């Protein structure tokens, strides 16, 4: 399929909001089916293409994802003493509609839930982070406001480059890179 054969893509906005004293949400519509968007979150070779905001100059140097209930993830930015690693485990994986994971790098880290609502050729994505300490939320909202729009624009670009049927067969394991 050539670029000319692809349907026109709409520029969607990213909304970041404080939902409660402990929770923030990020909402965005993508012009791709839910299965394709879900795969971009669970396939390391795709995830590493969009997750790190390019404006930060932080390279994603390692990305291990075992996207199954009870599986885990480990993501590293940079190398050497300046590197930062984020890790946790998947509490729930319901392909292609829901991911829930822990963020285990700090004691006050949130539990993250991402839902993928299939709307035919579009997906409504809602990311929710629930923090155990309400004091962490203002910084989290500010950080998300600074990064989410760029990350999701990068995800949009990746999705636009993929064939429309880019899904793994049900039961295929995600791989690490």
Protein backbone atom coordinates (compact mmCIF):
# COMPACT_ATOMS: atom_id res chain seq x y z
CA UNK A 1 0.00 0.00 0.00
CA UNK A 2 1.45 3.34 -1.02
CA UNK A 3 1.12 6.57 0.93
CA UNK A 4 -1.44 7.67 -1.67
CA UNK A 5 -3.58 4.60 -0.86
CA UNK A 6 -3.58 5.37 2.89
CA UNK A 7 -6.62 7.20 4.25
CA UNK A 8 -6.00 10.80 5.29
CA UNK A 9 -4.89 11.11 8.89
CA UNK A 10 -6.37 13.65 11.26
CA UNK A 11 -4.22 15.64 13.68
CA UNK A 12 -5.58 14.75 17.13
CA UNK A 13 -4.86 16.60 20.36
CA UNK A 14 -3.52 15.08 23.54
CA UNK A 15 -5.39 15.99 26.72
CA UNK A 16 -3.72 15.73 30.15
CA UNK A 17 -5.97 16.21 33.18
CA UNK A 18 -5.92 15.69 36.92
CA UNK A 19 -8.84 13.33 37.51
CA UNK A 20 -8.66 13.23 41.33
CA UNK A 21 -6.21 13.96 44.16
CA UNK A 22 -4.32 10.77 43.25
CA UNK A 23 -4.93 10.27 39.53
CA UNK A 24 -4.12 11.85 36.20
CA UNK A 25 -5.39 10.89 32.76
CA UNK A 26 -4.05 11.38 29.26
CA UNK A 27 -6.45 10.98 26.34
CA UNK A 28 -5.71 10.79 22.62
CA UNK A 29 -7.39 9.39 19.50
CA UNK A 30 -5.21 7.60 16.96
CA UNK A 31 -6.08 6.90 13.31
CA UNK A 32 -5.30 3.20 13.59
CA UNK A 33 -7.20 0.14 14.81
CA UNK A 34 -6.86 -0.77 18.49
CA UNK A 35 -4.81 -3.90 17.72
CA UNK A 36 -2.18 -1.84 15.91
CA UNK A 37 -1.96 0.76 18.70
CA UNK A 38 -1.82 -1.98 21.36
CA UNK A 39 1.04 -3.67 19.49
CA UNK A 40 3.00 -0.38 19.44
CA UNK A 41 2.83 -0.45 23.27
CA UNK A 42 3.79 -4.12 23.63
CA UNK A 43 6.29 -4.85 20.82
CA UNK A 44 9.75 -3.61 21.84
CA UNK A 45 10.87 -2.95 18.27
CA UNK A 46 7.97 -0.51 17.87
CA UNK A 47 7.90 0.88 21.42
CA UNK A 48 11.50 2.05 21.21
CA UNK A 49 10.69 4.08 18.08
CA UNK A 50 8.22 6.40 19.80
CA UNK A 51 8.47 6.33 23.60
CA UNK A 52 11.43 8.68 24.23
CA UNK A 53 10.60 12.30 23.34
CA UNK A 54 13.15 13.32 20.70
CA UNK A 55 13.36 16.86 22.09
CA UNK A 56 14.83 15.47 25.33
CA UNK A 57 17.76 13.92 23.48
CA UNK A 58 17.43 10.80 25.65
CA UNK A 59 18.07 7.62 23.71
CA UNK A 60 16.19 4.48 24.66
CA UNK A 61 19.17 2.11 24.98
CA UNK A 62 17.36 -0.98 26.27
CA UNK A 63 13.78 -2.12 26.02
CA UNK A 64 12.63 -5.47 27.39
CA UNK A 65 8.89 -6.11 27.34
CA UNK A 66 7.15 -9.33 28.35
CA UNK A 67 3.59 -8.08 27.86
CA UNK A 68 1.55 -10.77 29.57
CA UNK A 69 -0.15 -10.81 32.95
CA UNK A 70 2.68 -11.49 35.41
CA UNK A 71 5.34 -10.49 32.87
CA UNK A 72 7.58 -7.48 33.26
CA UNK A 73 9.29 -4.62 31.50
CA UNK A 74 12.62 -2.82 31.84
CA UNK A 75 13.37 0.36 29.90
CA UNK A 76 16.70 2.20 30.05
CA UNK A 77 17.47 5.70 28.79
CA UNK A 78 21.10 6.66 28.20
CA UNK A 79 24.23 4.80 29.23
CA UNK A 80 26.67 4.80 32.11
CA UNK A 81 26.19 6.89 35.25
CA UNK A 82 23.69 9.20 33.49
CA UNK A 83 21.33 6.34 32.58
CA UNK A 84 17.85 5.94 34.04
CA UNK A 85 16.00 2.64 34.21
CA UNK A 86 12.27 2.15 34.64
CA UNK A 87 10.83 -1.26 35.43
CA UNK A 88 7.78 -3.04 36.73
CA UNK A 89 5.37 -5.85 36.10
CA UNK A 90 2.19 -6.28 34.12
CA UNK A 91 -0.78 -6.74 36.45
CA UNK A 92 -3.26 -7.18 33.60
CA UNK A 93 -2.87 -7.65 29.86
CA UNK A 94 -6.07 -7.97 27.85
CA UNK A 95 -5.15 -7.70 24.16
CA UNK A 96 -5.95 -5.45 22.45
CA UNK A 97 -7.98 -3.41 24.92
CA UNK A 98 -6.16 -2.96 28.24
CA UNK A 99 -2.73 -2.86 29.89
CA UNK A 100 -2.11 -2.35 33.62
CA UNK A 101 1.41 -2.21 35.04
CA UNK A 102 3.34 -1.24 38.13
CA UNK A 103 6.19 1.24 38.13
CA UNK A 104 8.59 -0.32 40.63
CA UNK A 105 11.59 2.01 40.42
CA UNK A 106 10.42 4.10 43.41
CA UNK A 107 8.14 3.49 46.39
CA UNK A 108 5.76 6.32 45.46
CA UNK A 109 5.45 5.39 41.78
CA UNK A 110 2.01 5.04 40.20
CA UNK A 111 0.11 2.11 38.79
CA UNK A 112 -0.53 2.79 35.11
CA UNK A 113 -3.59 1.68 33.15
CA UNK A 114 -3.94 2.15 29.40
CA UNK A 115 -7.18 1.35 27.61
CA UNK A 116 -7.53 1.06 23.84
CA UNK A 117 -11.14 1.61 22.74
CA UNK A 118 -11.62 0.26 19.23
CA UNK A 119 -13.54 2.68 17.03
CA UNK A 120 -13.05 0.91 13.71
CA UNK A 121 -10.15 2.62 11.97
CA UNK A 122 -9.52 4.74 15.08
CA UNK A 123 -8.59 4.06 18.69
CA UNK A 124 -9.42 6.15 21.72
CA UNK A 125 -6.50 5.71 24.10
CA UNK A 126 -6.86 6.65 27.77
CA UNK A 127 -3.79 6.43 30.00
CA UNK A 128 -4.40 6.71 33.73
CA UNK A 129 -1.76 6.93 36.45
CA UNK A 130 -2.85 6.45 40.06
CA UNK A 131 -0.35 7.68 42.67
CA UNK A 132 -0.27 6.38 46.25
CA UNK A 133 0.81 9.84 47.48
CA UNK A 134 -1.23 12.84 46.29
CA UNK A 135 1.87 15.00 46.75
CA UNK A 136 3.46 13.34 43.70
CA UNK A 137 0.63 14.31 41.37
CA UNK A 138 1.42 17.97 40.55
CA UNK A 139 4.91 17.07 39.28
CA UNK A 140 3.50 14.08 37.39
CA UNK A 141 0.87 16.23 35.67
CA UNK A 142 3.49 18.83 34.71
CA UNK A 143 5.81 16.12 33.38
CA UNK A 144 3.03 14.50 31.38
CA UNK A 145 1.97 17.88 29.97
CA UNK A 146 5.56 18.45 28.85
CA UNK A 147 6.05 15.03 27.23
CA UNK A 148 2.81 13.26 26.27
CA UNK A 149 1.90 15.34 23.20
CA UNK A 150 5.36 14.79 21.71
CA UNK A 151 5.40 11.07 22.56
CA UNK A 152 1.96 10.57 21.06
CA UNK A 153 2.88 12.58 17.93
CA UNK A 154 5.83 10.19 17.56
CA UNK A 155 3.45 7.25 18.05
CA UNK A 156 1.17 8.76 15.37
CA UNK A 157 4.13 8.89 12.97
CA UNK A 158 5.02 5.26 13.68
CA UNK A 159 1.41 4.14 13.21
CA UNK A 160 1.20 6.03 9.90
CA UNK A 161 4.25 4.11 8.66
CA UNK A 162 2.83 0.67 9.47
CA UNK A 163 0.65 -1.49 7.25
CA UNK A 164 -2.98 -1.41 8.37
CA UNK A 165 -2.81 -5.08 9.53
CA UNK A 166 0.24 -4.94 11.79
CA UNK A 167 -0.93 -7.24 14.55
CA UNK A 168 0.58 -10.31 16.12
CA UNK A 169 -1.54 -13.41 16.02
CA UNK A 170 -3.31 -14.01 19.34
CA UNK A 171 -0.90 -15.80 21.66
CA UNK A 172 2.29 -14.70 19.90
CA UNK A 173 4.81 -13.60 22.51
CA UNK A 174 6.29 -10.13 22.50
CA UNK A 175 10.04 -10.15 22.14
CA UNK A 176 12.81 -8.14 23.78
CA UNK A 177 15.35 -6.03 21.95
